[in-house]
Structure formats: C-alpha cells, structure tokens
C-alpha cells in the first residue's frame, strides 16, 4: 500500500473522464472497479467521487460511487481479517491504538461517525474494523448508512462543477446538511455507547 501511494499515479478528474469515456457501454463497470481498488488503498477516494459527478451526473454518479466504495470497503475488511491483527497493526503504524480505541465497544456507531467525518480516510476504518473484531453485519450496515450521504455530497460537487444548475446546487446543500446532522447524531450515540460499555466493564464496588 505504501508503494502504491508513492508510485501509482491516480489520474485527475479530467483524465479519468477521457479514459473512462473510451470504454463506451462498459464505462460504468470500469468506474466501479477503479473506485473499489482505490478504496482498498490509502489513496483518498475524494477524487473518484468528484469524478463520478463529472462523468455521470449527481444521480447516476452517486449510485456508481456508492457501489464502488462499498465494494472496496468490504474488501478491505476481509483483507484485514486474512492478514491478522499483528500485520494490520504494523500497517496502521502509530495510529493503530487510536483506531482500536475508537472502534472498541461502540463498533456500529464508531464506523458511522468515522465514515461521515470529513478528512478522515476510509482505509484505516476498513482495516481496523476487520482486524479489531467489529462484527461483519454491524460493519456493513454502518458503512451503507454512512457512505451514502458522504458519497452523494462529494459526487454532487463534481456534478455542480460540470453543470452549475440549481438542481445540482440544491443536491450539494442537502447532502452536506445531511452529513452534518448525521455526524452530530452518530457522535452522541457513539459517546453514549462507549460510556455504557466502559461502565459495564468496570468492576462492581465491594
């Protein structure tokens, strides 16, 4: 993954548009495949989501981006399960303890919050969830719930850049408002779940 970051050039949105358009009817599948691979690595997924809006518009771009990023997240989870906790800890480096502490005891809520928060990459959440024992069903449900508004907000930005209509502008505003509201609600549930888990683990007073 480190080698990929420093040696693989991810095309700009304009370059991606030219390359993917050349596949004709298969452009949808190519885009989903590229997005899934990017989501498996530490490469930020933002450029792919924005490119989805430039290429396919807000509605179709959001659908394809959500499918692609969920496939990549799901693959990262199972890859971490296969690699084992020790190896994933080395991959996460100094962030391993932080990721584990965030996910411990409030897996569903933590995944939702970490997915929604702008600036937090997906890959530590993917690998941390797989390595630190987050239940697969909880991880997948949390990912689906939180990925959709986040991806729509980014795809809508790309669509607005390509075509600055009131519809695309409204989509951007509504998507980001949804992300903010869900982040606040999920953060509160996360803190509550983590506190309840801590209290349940504390020894009873004698």
N, C-alpha and C. Protein backbone atom coordinates (compact mmCIF):
# COMPACT_ATOMS: atom_id res chain seq x y z
N UNK A 1 0.83 -1.20 0.00
CA UNK A 1 0.00 0.00 0.00
C UNK A 1 0.87 1.26 0.00
N UNK A 2 1.97 1.22 0.75
CA UNK A 2 2.89 2.36 0.75
C UNK A 2 3.47 2.57 -0.64
N UNK A 3 3.83 1.46 -1.30
CA UNK A 3 4.36 1.54 -2.66
C UNK A 3 3.33 2.15 -3.60
N UNK A 4 2.06 1.78 -3.45
CA UNK A 4 1.01 2.31 -4.31
C UNK A 4 0.88 3.83 -4.16
N UNK A 5 0.95 4.29 -2.91
CA UNK A 5 0.79 5.72 -2.65
C UNK A 5 1.84 6.54 -3.38
N UNK A 6 3.10 6.06 -3.36
CA UNK A 6 4.20 6.85 -3.90
C UNK A 6 4.50 6.57 -5.37
N UNK A 7 3.97 5.49 -5.91
CA UNK A 7 4.35 5.10 -7.26
C UNK A 7 3.21 5.01 -8.26
N UNK A 8 1.98 4.93 -7.80
CA UNK A 8 0.86 4.84 -8.72
C UNK A 8 0.21 6.21 -8.87
N UNK A 9 0.15 6.68 -10.10
CA UNK A 9 -0.44 7.99 -10.38
C UNK A 9 -1.93 7.83 -10.58
N UNK A 10 -2.71 8.47 -9.73
CA UNK A 10 -4.16 8.46 -9.89
C UNK A 10 -4.52 9.63 -10.79
N UNK A 11 -5.18 9.38 -11.93
CA UNK A 11 -5.48 10.46 -12.88
C UNK A 11 -6.35 11.54 -12.26
N UNK A 12 -6.24 12.72 -12.82
CA UNK A 12 -7.12 13.82 -12.41
C UNK A 12 -8.53 13.53 -12.92
N UNK A 13 -9.53 14.25 -12.38
CA UNK A 13 -10.90 14.03 -12.88
C UNK A 13 -11.02 14.17 -14.39
N UNK A 14 -10.31 15.14 -14.98
CA UNK A 14 -10.38 15.32 -16.43
C UNK A 14 -9.78 14.13 -17.17
N UNK A 15 -8.65 13.63 -16.66
CA UNK A 15 -8.01 12.46 -17.29
C UNK A 15 -8.90 11.23 -17.14
N UNK A 16 -9.50 11.06 -15.95
CA UNK A 16 -10.40 9.93 -15.74
C UNK A 16 -11.59 9.99 -16.69
N UNK A 17 -12.11 11.19 -16.90
CA UNK A 17 -13.26 11.36 -17.80
C UNK A 17 -12.91 10.90 -19.21
N UNK A 18 -11.72 11.31 -19.70
CA UNK A 18 -11.32 10.92 -21.05
C UNK A 18 -11.11 9.42 -21.15
N UNK A 19 -10.45 8.84 -20.12
CA UNK A 19 -10.13 7.41 -20.17
C UNK A 19 -11.38 6.54 -20.06
N UNK A 20 -12.26 6.87 -19.11
CA UNK A 20 -13.44 6.04 -18.88
C UNK A 20 -14.44 6.17 -20.02
N UNK A 21 -14.54 7.36 -20.61
CA UNK A 21 -15.45 7.55 -21.74
C UNK A 21 -15.09 6.64 -22.91
N UNK A 22 -13.82 6.30 -23.01
CA UNK A 22 -13.37 5.45 -24.11
C UNK A 22 -13.87 4.02 -24.02
N UNK A 23 -14.42 3.61 -22.89
CA UNK A 23 -14.92 2.24 -22.73
C UNK A 23 -16.37 2.08 -23.16
N UNK A 24 -17.00 3.18 -23.53
CA UNK A 24 -18.37 3.09 -24.04
C UNK A 24 -19.33 2.55 -23.00
N UNK A 25 -20.06 1.47 -23.39
CA UNK A 25 -21.10 0.92 -22.51
C UNK A 25 -20.51 0.31 -21.23
N UNK A 26 -19.22 -0.04 -21.28
CA UNK A 26 -18.59 -0.63 -20.10
C UNK A 26 -18.04 0.38 -19.11
N UNK A 27 -18.29 1.68 -19.36
CA UNK A 27 -17.72 2.72 -18.50
C UNK A 27 -18.20 2.59 -17.06
N UNK A 28 -19.46 2.18 -16.87
CA UNK A 28 -19.98 2.03 -15.51
C UNK A 28 -19.17 1.01 -14.72
N UNK A 29 -18.94 -0.15 -15.33
CA UNK A 29 -18.21 -1.22 -14.65
C UNK A 29 -16.76 -0.83 -14.42
N UNK A 30 -16.15 -0.16 -15.39
CA UNK A 30 -14.76 0.28 -15.23
C UNK A 30 -14.65 1.26 -14.07
N UNK A 31 -15.57 2.20 -14.00
CA UNK A 31 -15.55 3.19 -12.91
C UNK A 31 -15.70 2.51 -11.56
N UNK A 32 -16.67 1.59 -11.45
CA UNK A 32 -16.88 0.87 -10.18
C UNK A 32 -15.63 0.09 -9.80
N UNK A 33 -15.00 -0.57 -10.77
CA UNK A 33 -13.81 -1.36 -10.49
C UNK A 33 -12.65 -0.50 -10.01
N UNK A 34 -12.43 0.62 -10.71
CA UNK A 34 -11.34 1.52 -10.30
C UNK A 34 -11.60 2.07 -8.90
N UNK A 35 -12.85 2.44 -8.66
CA UNK A 35 -13.20 3.01 -7.35
C UNK A 35 -12.97 1.98 -6.24
N UNK A 36 -13.36 0.73 -6.48
CA UNK A 36 -13.18 -0.31 -5.47
C UNK A 36 -11.70 -0.51 -5.15
N UNK A 37 -10.85 -0.50 -6.17
CA UNK A 37 -9.41 -0.67 -5.96
C UNK A 37 -8.85 0.50 -5.17
N UNK A 38 -9.25 1.73 -5.53
CA UNK A 38 -8.78 2.91 -4.81
C UNK A 38 -9.20 2.86 -3.35
N UNK A 39 -10.44 2.41 -3.08
CA UNK A 39 -10.93 2.34 -1.70
C UNK A 39 -10.18 1.31 -0.88
N UNK A 40 -9.50 0.37 -1.53
CA UNK A 40 -8.70 -0.62 -0.82
C UNK A 40 -7.37 -0.05 -0.34
N UNK A 41 -6.95 1.07 -0.88
CA UNK A 41 -5.63 1.64 -0.61
C UNK A 41 -5.75 2.92 0.21
N UNK A 42 -4.62 3.46 0.68
CA UNK A 42 -4.67 4.75 1.38
C UNK A 42 -4.90 5.94 0.48
N UNK A 43 -5.05 5.73 -0.82
CA UNK A 43 -5.32 6.84 -1.74
C UNK A 43 -6.70 7.43 -1.41
N UNK A 44 -6.81 8.75 -1.24
CA UNK A 44 -8.12 9.35 -0.92
C UNK A 44 -9.15 9.05 -2.00
N UNK A 45 -10.37 8.75 -1.57
CA UNK A 45 -11.44 8.41 -2.51
C UNK A 45 -12.14 9.65 -3.06
N UNK A 46 -11.78 10.83 -2.55
CA UNK A 46 -12.48 12.05 -2.94
C UNK A 46 -12.44 12.28 -4.45
N UNK A 47 -11.25 12.08 -5.05
CA UNK A 47 -11.11 12.34 -6.47
C UNK A 47 -12.02 11.44 -7.29
N UNK A 48 -12.24 10.20 -6.82
CA UNK A 48 -13.11 9.28 -7.54
C UNK A 48 -14.57 9.73 -7.43
N UNK A 49 -14.98 10.15 -6.24
CA UNK A 49 -16.37 10.58 -6.06
C UNK A 49 -16.66 11.84 -6.88
N UNK A 50 -15.76 12.80 -6.85
CA UNK A 50 -15.94 14.01 -7.64
C UNK A 50 -15.96 13.67 -9.13
N UNK A 51 -15.09 12.75 -9.55
CA UNK A 51 -15.08 12.32 -10.95
C UNK A 51 -16.40 11.66 -11.33
N UNK A 52 -17.01 10.92 -10.40
CA UNK A 52 -18.31 10.32 -10.67
C UNK A 52 -19.35 11.36 -11.02
N UNK A 53 -19.31 12.50 -10.31
CA UNK A 53 -20.24 13.58 -10.62
C UNK A 53 -19.95 14.23 -11.96
N UNK A 54 -18.66 14.40 -12.28
CA UNK A 54 -18.29 14.98 -13.56
C UNK A 54 -18.70 14.08 -14.72
N UNK A 55 -18.53 12.78 -14.53
CA UNK A 55 -18.75 11.82 -15.62
C UNK A 55 -20.21 11.49 -15.83
N UNK A 56 -20.92 11.24 -14.72
CA UNK A 56 -22.25 10.63 -14.82
C UNK A 56 -23.38 11.49 -14.25
N UNK A 57 -23.06 12.64 -13.67
CA UNK A 57 -24.09 13.45 -13.05
C UNK A 57 -24.34 13.03 -11.61
N UNK A 58 -25.19 13.78 -10.91
CA UNK A 58 -25.38 13.56 -9.47
C UNK A 58 -26.04 12.23 -9.16
N UNK A 59 -27.11 11.88 -9.88
CA UNK A 59 -27.88 10.68 -9.54
C UNK A 59 -27.12 9.40 -9.88
N UNK A 60 -26.75 9.22 -11.14
CA UNK A 60 -26.05 8.00 -11.55
C UNK A 60 -24.65 7.95 -10.94
N UNK A 61 -23.98 9.09 -10.87
CA UNK A 61 -22.64 9.12 -10.27
C UNK A 61 -22.66 8.70 -8.81
N UNK A 62 -23.70 9.10 -8.07
CA UNK A 62 -23.82 8.70 -6.67
C UNK A 62 -24.02 7.20 -6.54
N UNK A 63 -24.90 6.65 -7.40
CA UNK A 63 -25.16 5.21 -7.36
C UNK A 63 -23.88 4.41 -7.63
N UNK A 64 -23.15 4.77 -8.68
CA UNK A 64 -21.93 4.04 -9.04
C UNK A 64 -20.84 4.23 -7.98
N UNK A 65 -20.74 5.42 -7.43
CA UNK A 65 -19.72 5.69 -6.41
C UNK A 65 -19.99 4.90 -5.13
N UNK A 66 -21.26 4.85 -4.73
CA UNK A 66 -21.62 4.09 -3.53
C UNK A 66 -21.30 2.61 -3.72
N UNK A 67 -21.63 2.06 -4.88
CA UNK A 67 -21.33 0.65 -5.15
C UNK A 67 -19.82 0.41 -5.12
N UNK A 68 -19.07 1.27 -5.80
CA UNK A 68 -17.62 1.10 -5.86
C UNK A 68 -16.95 1.20 -4.51
N UNK A 69 -17.31 2.23 -3.73
CA UNK A 69 -16.64 2.42 -2.45
C UNK A 69 -17.03 1.33 -1.45
N UNK A 70 -18.28 0.87 -1.50
CA UNK A 70 -18.68 -0.21 -0.59
C UNK A 70 -17.97 -1.51 -0.92
N UNK A 71 -17.77 -1.80 -2.20
CA UNK A 71 -17.00 -3.00 -2.57
C UNK A 71 -15.58 -2.90 -2.05
N UNK A 72 -14.96 -1.71 -2.18
CA UNK A 72 -13.61 -1.53 -1.68
C UNK A 72 -13.52 -1.64 -0.17
N UNK A 73 -14.49 -1.03 0.53
CA UNK A 73 -14.52 -1.10 1.99
C UNK A 73 -14.72 -2.54 2.47
N UNK A 74 -15.63 -3.23 1.82
CA UNK A 74 -15.90 -4.63 2.17
C UNK A 74 -14.66 -5.49 1.92
N UNK A 75 -13.98 -5.24 0.80
CA UNK A 75 -12.75 -5.98 0.52
C UNK A 75 -11.66 -5.69 1.53
N UNK A 76 -11.53 -4.43 1.95
CA UNK A 76 -10.53 -4.08 2.95
C UNK A 76 -10.78 -4.74 4.28
N UNK A 77 -12.05 -4.85 4.66
CA UNK A 77 -12.42 -5.51 5.91
C UNK A 77 -11.97 -6.96 5.90
N UNK A 78 -12.29 -7.68 4.83
CA UNK A 78 -11.93 -9.10 4.78
C UNK A 78 -10.45 -9.32 4.54
N UNK A 79 -9.80 -8.38 3.87
CA UNK A 79 -8.35 -8.47 3.72
C UNK A 79 -7.67 -8.35 5.08
N UNK A 80 -8.17 -7.43 5.91
CA UNK A 80 -7.62 -7.28 7.26
C UNK A 80 -7.85 -8.54 8.08
N UNK A 81 -9.01 -9.17 7.93
CA UNK A 81 -9.28 -10.43 8.62
C UNK A 81 -8.26 -11.50 8.21
N UNK A 82 -7.93 -11.53 6.90
CA UNK A 82 -7.00 -12.53 6.40
C UNK A 82 -5.56 -12.24 6.84
N UNK A 83 -5.20 -10.96 6.89
CA UNK A 83 -3.82 -10.59 7.26
C UNK A 83 -3.55 -10.79 8.75
N UNK A 84 -4.57 -10.61 9.58
CA UNK A 84 -4.40 -10.77 11.02
C UNK A 84 -4.10 -9.45 11.71
N UNK A 85 -4.38 -9.44 13.01
CA UNK A 85 -4.27 -8.21 13.80
C UNK A 85 -2.85 -7.66 13.83
N UNK A 86 -1.86 -8.53 14.01
CA UNK A 86 -0.47 -8.05 14.15
C UNK A 86 0.00 -7.32 12.90
N UNK A 87 -0.28 -7.89 11.73
CA UNK A 87 0.17 -7.26 10.49
C UNK A 87 -0.58 -5.96 10.23
N UNK A 88 -1.88 -5.94 10.51
CA UNK A 88 -2.65 -4.72 10.32
C UNK A 88 -2.16 -3.63 11.27
N UNK A 89 -1.78 -4.01 12.48
CA UNK A 89 -1.23 -3.03 13.41
C UNK A 89 0.02 -2.37 12.83
N UNK A 90 0.86 -3.17 12.18
CA UNK A 90 2.07 -2.61 11.57
C UNK A 90 1.72 -1.69 10.40
N UNK A 91 0.67 -2.06 9.65
CA UNK A 91 0.24 -1.21 8.54
C UNK A 91 -0.30 0.13 9.06
N UNK A 92 -1.07 0.08 10.13
CA UNK A 92 -1.64 1.30 10.70
C UNK A 92 -0.59 2.14 11.43
N UNK A 93 0.49 1.49 11.85
CA UNK A 93 1.58 2.21 12.49
C UNK A 93 1.17 2.86 13.79
N UNK A 94 1.53 4.13 13.95
CA UNK A 94 1.27 4.84 15.20
C UNK A 94 -0.22 5.10 15.43
N UNK A 95 -1.03 4.90 14.39
CA UNK A 95 -2.46 5.15 14.53
C UNK A 95 -3.22 3.91 15.02
N UNK A 96 -2.54 2.78 15.16
CA UNK A 96 -3.23 1.53 15.50
C UNK A 96 -3.99 1.63 16.81
N UNK A 97 -3.34 2.13 17.85
CA UNK A 97 -4.01 2.21 19.16
C UNK A 97 -5.19 3.17 19.12
N UNK A 98 -5.05 4.28 18.38
CA UNK A 98 -6.15 5.25 18.28
C UNK A 98 -7.34 4.63 17.57
N UNK A 99 -7.09 3.95 16.46
CA UNK A 99 -8.18 3.32 15.71
C UNK A 99 -8.87 2.27 16.57
N UNK A 100 -8.09 1.47 17.27
CA UNK A 100 -8.67 0.42 18.11
C UNK A 100 -9.51 1.02 19.23
N UNK A 101 -9.01 2.09 19.85
CA UNK A 101 -9.76 2.70 20.96
C UNK A 101 -11.07 3.30 20.48
N UNK A 102 -11.08 3.85 19.26
CA UNK A 102 -12.31 4.42 18.71
C UNK A 102 -13.35 3.34 18.42
N UNK A 103 -12.88 2.19 17.92
CA UNK A 103 -13.79 1.15 17.49
C UNK A 103 -14.25 0.25 18.63
N UNK A 104 -13.48 0.18 19.71
CA UNK A 104 -13.78 -0.74 20.80
C UNK A 104 -15.06 -0.34 21.52
N UNK A 105 -15.96 -1.32 21.65
CA UNK A 105 -17.14 -1.12 22.48
C UNK A 105 -18.29 -0.38 21.84
N UNK A 106 -18.05 0.26 20.69
CA UNK A 106 -19.13 1.01 20.02
C UNK A 106 -18.91 0.90 18.51
N UNK A 107 -18.77 -0.32 18.04
CA UNK A 107 -18.38 -0.55 16.66
C UNK A 107 -19.27 0.10 15.63
N UNK A 108 -20.59 -0.14 15.71
CA UNK A 108 -21.51 0.40 14.73
C UNK A 108 -21.47 1.93 14.72
N UNK A 109 -21.62 2.53 15.89
CA UNK A 109 -21.64 3.98 15.99
C UNK A 109 -20.30 4.59 15.56
N UNK A 110 -19.19 3.93 15.95
CA UNK A 110 -17.87 4.45 15.60
C UNK A 110 -17.65 4.44 14.10
N UNK A 111 -18.03 3.34 13.44
CA UNK A 111 -17.87 3.26 11.99
C UNK A 111 -18.68 4.35 11.30
N UNK A 112 -19.91 4.57 11.76
CA UNK A 112 -20.75 5.62 11.17
C UNK A 112 -20.08 6.98 11.30
N UNK A 113 -19.62 7.31 12.50
CA UNK A 113 -19.02 8.62 12.73
C UNK A 113 -17.75 8.80 11.91
N UNK A 114 -16.88 7.80 11.93
CA UNK A 114 -15.61 7.91 11.22
C UNK A 114 -15.81 7.97 9.71
N UNK A 115 -16.84 7.33 9.22
CA UNK A 115 -17.14 7.41 7.79
C UNK A 115 -17.66 8.81 7.40
N UNK A 116 -18.45 9.42 8.28
CA UNK A 116 -19.08 10.69 7.96
C UNK A 116 -18.15 11.87 8.10
N UNK A 117 -17.24 11.81 9.04
CA UNK A 117 -16.40 12.97 9.34
C UNK A 117 -15.51 13.33 8.14
N UNK A 118 -15.61 14.56 7.62
CA UNK A 118 -14.75 14.98 6.52
C UNK A 118 -13.27 14.93 6.92
N UNK A 119 -12.43 14.49 6.01
CA UNK A 119 -10.99 14.47 6.24
C UNK A 119 -10.46 13.18 6.80
N UNK A 120 -11.33 12.30 7.31
CA UNK A 120 -10.87 11.01 7.83
C UNK A 120 -10.94 9.99 6.70
N UNK A 121 -9.79 9.41 6.31
CA UNK A 121 -9.80 8.45 5.20
C UNK A 121 -10.53 7.17 5.56
N UNK A 122 -10.98 6.48 4.54
CA UNK A 122 -11.75 5.26 4.75
C UNK A 122 -10.87 4.08 5.15
N UNK A 123 -9.64 4.02 4.63
CA UNK A 123 -8.89 2.77 4.75
C UNK A 123 -8.55 2.38 6.19
N UNK A 124 -8.22 3.31 7.12
CA UNK A 124 -7.97 2.85 8.50
C UNK A 124 -9.21 2.24 9.14
N UNK A 125 -10.39 2.78 8.78
CA UNK A 125 -11.64 2.23 9.32
C UNK A 125 -11.88 0.84 8.76
N UNK A 126 -11.62 0.65 7.45
CA UNK A 126 -11.79 -0.66 6.83
C UNK A 126 -10.91 -1.71 7.49
N UNK A 127 -9.64 -1.42 7.56
CA UNK A 127 -8.69 -2.41 8.08
C UNK A 127 -8.80 -2.55 9.60
N UNK A 128 -9.05 -1.43 10.28
CA UNK A 128 -9.21 -1.51 11.73
C UNK A 128 -10.44 -2.31 12.12
N UNK A 129 -11.54 -2.15 11.39
CA UNK A 129 -12.76 -2.90 11.70
C UNK A 129 -12.55 -4.39 11.52
N UNK A 130 -11.84 -4.77 10.46
CA UNK A 130 -11.58 -6.19 10.23
C UNK A 130 -10.61 -6.77 11.23
N UNK A 131 -9.59 -5.99 11.59
CA UNK A 131 -8.54 -6.51 12.48
C UNK A 131 -8.95 -6.54 13.94
N UNK A 132 -9.80 -5.59 14.35
CA UNK A 132 -10.12 -5.44 15.76
C UNK A 132 -11.49 -6.00 16.13
N UNK A 133 -12.03 -6.85 15.26
CA UNK A 133 -13.18 -7.67 15.65
C UNK A 133 -14.54 -7.03 15.56
N UNK A 134 -14.71 -5.99 14.74
CA UNK A 134 -16.05 -5.44 14.55
C UNK A 134 -16.89 -6.47 13.81
N UNK A 135 -18.09 -6.73 14.32
CA UNK A 135 -18.98 -7.69 13.69
C UNK A 135 -19.25 -7.31 12.23
N UNK A 136 -19.19 -8.30 11.34
CA UNK A 136 -19.32 -8.03 9.91
C UNK A 136 -20.65 -7.38 9.57
N UNK A 137 -21.74 -7.86 10.15
CA UNK A 137 -23.04 -7.28 9.84
C UNK A 137 -23.16 -5.85 10.34
N UNK A 138 -22.62 -5.58 11.53
CA UNK A 138 -22.64 -4.22 12.05
C UNK A 138 -21.78 -3.30 11.20
N UNK A 139 -20.62 -3.80 10.79
CA UNK A 139 -19.72 -3.01 9.94
C UNK A 139 -20.37 -2.68 8.61
N UNK A 140 -20.99 -3.67 7.98
CA UNK A 140 -21.60 -3.46 6.68
C UNK A 140 -22.79 -2.51 6.77
N UNK A 141 -23.63 -2.71 7.80
CA UNK A 141 -24.79 -1.83 7.98
C UNK A 141 -24.35 -0.39 8.24
N UNK A 142 -23.35 -0.21 9.09
CA UNK A 142 -22.85 1.13 9.39
C UNK A 142 -22.23 1.77 8.16
N UNK A 143 -21.53 0.98 7.36
CA UNK A 143 -20.89 1.51 6.16
C UNK A 143 -21.94 1.97 5.15
N UNK A 144 -22.96 1.16 4.94
CA UNK A 144 -24.01 1.53 4.00
C UNK A 144 -24.70 2.81 4.45
N UNK A 145 -25.04 2.88 5.73
CA UNK A 145 -25.75 4.05 6.27
C UNK A 145 -24.93 5.33 6.12
N UNK A 146 -23.64 5.26 6.37
CA UNK A 146 -22.83 6.46 6.41
C UNK A 146 -22.18 6.81 5.07
N UNK A 147 -21.95 5.81 4.23
CA UNK A 147 -21.30 6.07 2.94
C UNK A 147 -22.22 6.83 2.00
N UNK A 148 -23.50 6.51 2.02
CA UNK A 148 -24.43 7.08 1.04
C UNK A 148 -24.46 8.62 1.10
N UNK A 149 -24.73 9.26 2.25
CA UNK A 149 -24.76 10.73 2.24
C UNK A 149 -23.39 11.35 1.95
N UNK A 150 -22.33 10.71 2.44
CA UNK A 150 -21.00 11.23 2.19
C UNK A 150 -20.64 11.21 0.72
N UNK A 151 -20.95 10.09 0.05
CA UNK A 151 -20.66 9.99 -1.37
C UNK A 151 -21.52 10.94 -2.20
N UNK A 152 -22.79 11.05 -1.85
CA UNK A 152 -23.66 11.97 -2.59
C UNK A 152 -23.14 13.40 -2.48
N UNK A 153 -22.67 13.78 -1.29
CA UNK A 153 -22.18 15.15 -1.11
C UNK A 153 -20.97 15.43 -2.00
N UNK A 154 -20.08 14.44 -2.15
CA UNK A 154 -18.89 14.63 -2.98
C UNK A 154 -19.22 14.54 -4.46
N UNK A 155 -20.05 13.58 -4.82
CA UNK A 155 -20.45 13.44 -6.23
C UNK A 155 -21.19 14.69 -6.69
N UNK A 156 -22.06 15.21 -5.84
CA UNK A 156 -22.82 16.41 -6.20
C UNK A 156 -21.90 17.60 -6.46
N UNK A 157 -20.79 17.68 -5.74
CA UNK A 157 -19.82 18.74 -6.01
C UNK A 157 -19.27 18.63 -7.43
N UNK A 158 -18.92 17.39 -7.82
CA UNK A 158 -18.42 17.18 -9.17
C UNK A 158 -19.47 17.51 -10.22
N UNK A 159 -20.71 17.12 -9.96
CA UNK A 159 -21.79 17.42 -10.89
C UNK A 159 -22.03 18.92 -11.00
N UNK A 160 -21.90 19.62 -9.87
CA UNK A 160 -22.11 21.08 -9.88
C UNK A 160 -21.00 21.78 -10.65
N UNK A 161 -19.76 21.29 -10.51
CA UNK A 161 -18.64 21.86 -11.27
C UNK A 161 -18.87 21.68 -12.77
N UNK A 162 -19.35 20.49 -13.15
CA UNK A 162 -19.58 20.21 -14.56
C UNK A 162 -20.79 20.95 -15.10
N UNK A 163 -21.81 21.14 -14.26
CA UNK A 163 -23.06 21.75 -14.71
C UNK A 163 -23.69 22.49 -13.53
N UNK A 164 -23.43 23.77 -13.43
CA UNK A 164 -23.83 24.56 -12.26
C UNK A 164 -25.31 24.95 -12.34
N UNK A 165 -26.17 23.95 -12.20
CA UNK A 165 -27.62 24.19 -12.21
C UNK A 165 -28.13 24.30 -10.77
N UNK A 166 -29.37 24.80 -10.64
CA UNK A 166 -29.94 24.91 -9.30
C UNK A 166 -30.16 23.53 -8.69
N UNK A 167 -30.49 22.54 -9.55
CA UNK A 167 -30.71 21.18 -9.05
C UNK A 167 -29.43 20.62 -8.43
N UNK A 168 -28.32 20.77 -9.13
CA UNK A 168 -27.05 20.26 -8.58
C UNK A 168 -26.63 21.04 -7.35
N UNK A 169 -26.88 22.35 -7.35
CA UNK A 169 -26.55 23.14 -6.17
C UNK A 169 -27.38 22.75 -4.97
N UNK A 170 -28.68 22.50 -5.20
CA UNK A 170 -29.56 22.06 -4.12
C UNK A 170 -29.13 20.69 -3.58
N UNK A 171 -28.72 19.81 -4.49
CA UNK A 171 -28.25 18.48 -4.08
C UNK A 171 -27.02 18.59 -3.19
N UNK A 172 -26.10 19.48 -3.57
CA UNK A 172 -24.90 19.70 -2.75
C UNK A 172 -25.29 20.16 -1.35
N UNK A 173 -26.18 21.17 -1.27
CA UNK A 173 -26.58 21.71 0.03
C UNK A 173 -27.28 20.69 0.90
N UNK A 174 -28.23 19.97 0.33
CA UNK A 174 -28.97 18.97 1.10
C UNK A 174 -28.06 17.83 1.55
N UNK A 175 -27.16 17.40 0.67
CA UNK A 175 -26.27 16.29 1.02
C UNK A 175 -25.34 16.67 2.16
N UNK A 176 -24.77 17.86 2.11
CA UNK A 176 -23.85 18.27 3.17
C UNK A 176 -24.60 18.53 4.48
N UNK A 177 -25.83 19.05 4.39
CA UNK A 177 -26.63 19.23 5.60
C UNK A 177 -26.93 17.89 6.24
N UNK A 178 -27.23 16.89 5.42
CA UNK A 178 -27.49 15.54 5.93
C UNK A 178 -26.26 14.97 6.60
N UNK A 179 -25.09 15.15 5.97
CA UNK A 179 -23.84 14.66 6.56
C UNK A 179 -23.60 15.28 7.93
N UNK A 180 -23.82 16.60 8.05
CA UNK A 180 -23.59 17.29 9.32
C UNK A 180 -24.54 16.79 10.40
N UNK A 181 -25.82 16.67 10.06
CA UNK A 181 -26.81 16.22 11.04
C UNK A 181 -26.52 14.79 11.49
N UNK A 182 -26.25 13.91 10.53
CA UNK A 182 -25.97 12.52 10.88
C UNK A 182 -24.69 12.40 11.70
N UNK A 183 -23.69 13.22 11.41
CA UNK A 183 -22.45 13.18 12.19
C UNK A 183 -22.71 13.55 13.64
N UNK A 184 -23.51 14.59 13.85
CA UNK A 184 -23.83 15.02 15.23
C UNK A 184 -24.59 13.93 15.97
N UNK A 185 -25.63 13.38 15.32
CA UNK A 185 -26.44 12.34 15.96
C UNK A 185 -25.62 11.09 16.25
N UNK A 186 -24.80 10.68 15.27
CA UNK A 186 -23.99 9.47 15.46
C UNK A 186 -22.92 9.69 16.53
N UNK A 187 -22.38 10.90 16.61
CA UNK A 187 -21.36 11.19 17.64
C UNK A 187 -21.94 11.07 19.04
N UNK A 188 -23.17 11.54 19.20
CA UNK A 188 -23.82 11.43 20.51
C UNK A 188 -24.07 9.97 20.88
N UNK A 189 -24.55 9.20 19.92
CA UNK A 189 -24.78 7.77 20.18
C UNK A 189 -23.47 7.05 20.44
N UNK A 190 -22.43 7.47 19.73
CA UNK A 190 -21.11 6.85 19.91
C UNK A 190 -20.62 7.07 21.34
N UNK A 191 -20.69 8.31 21.81
CA UNK A 191 -20.22 8.60 23.16
C UNK A 191 -21.04 7.85 24.20
N UNK A 192 -22.35 7.79 23.98
CA UNK A 192 -23.21 7.07 24.92
C UNK A 192 -22.87 5.58 24.94
N UNK A 193 -22.73 4.97 23.77
CA UNK A 193 -22.41 3.54 23.70
C UNK A 193 -21.06 3.24 24.31
N UNK A 194 -20.07 4.10 24.04
CA UNK A 194 -18.74 3.89 24.61
C UNK A 194 -18.76 4.01 26.13
N UNK A 195 -19.53 4.98 26.64
CA UNK A 195 -19.64 5.17 28.09
C UNK A 195 -20.33 3.97 28.74
N UNK A 196 -21.40 3.48 28.12
CA UNK A 196 -22.11 2.32 28.66
C UNK A 196 -21.23 1.09 28.65
N UNK A 197 -20.44 0.93 27.59
CA UNK A 197 -19.54 -0.22 27.52
C UNK A 197 -18.47 -0.14 28.59
N UNK A 198 -17.96 1.07 28.83
CA UNK A 198 -16.94 1.24 29.86
C UNK A 198 -17.52 0.93 31.23
N UNK A 199 -18.73 1.41 31.49
CA UNK A 199 -19.36 1.16 32.79
C UNK A 199 -19.63 -0.33 33.01
N UNK A 200 -19.99 -1.03 31.94
CA UNK A 200 -20.27 -2.46 32.07
C UNK A 200 -19.01 -3.27 32.35
N UNK A 201 -17.83 -2.70 31.95
CA UNK A 201 -16.59 -3.41 32.17
C UNK A 201 -15.95 -3.07 33.49
N UNK A 202 -16.39 -1.95 34.12
CA UNK A 202 -15.82 -1.58 35.42
C UNK A 202 -16.26 -2.59 36.47
N UNK A 203 -15.36 -2.94 37.38
CA UNK A 203 -15.73 -3.90 38.43
C UNK A 203 -16.74 -3.31 39.39
N UNK A 204 -17.64 -4.15 39.87
CA UNK A 204 -18.63 -3.70 40.85
C UNK A 204 -17.94 -3.33 42.16
N UNK A 205 -18.37 -2.24 42.80
CA UNK A 205 -17.77 -1.88 44.09
C UNK A 205 -18.10 -2.91 45.15
N UNK A 206 -17.16 -3.15 46.01
CA UNK A 206 -17.34 -4.16 47.06
C UNK A 206 -17.66 -3.46 48.39
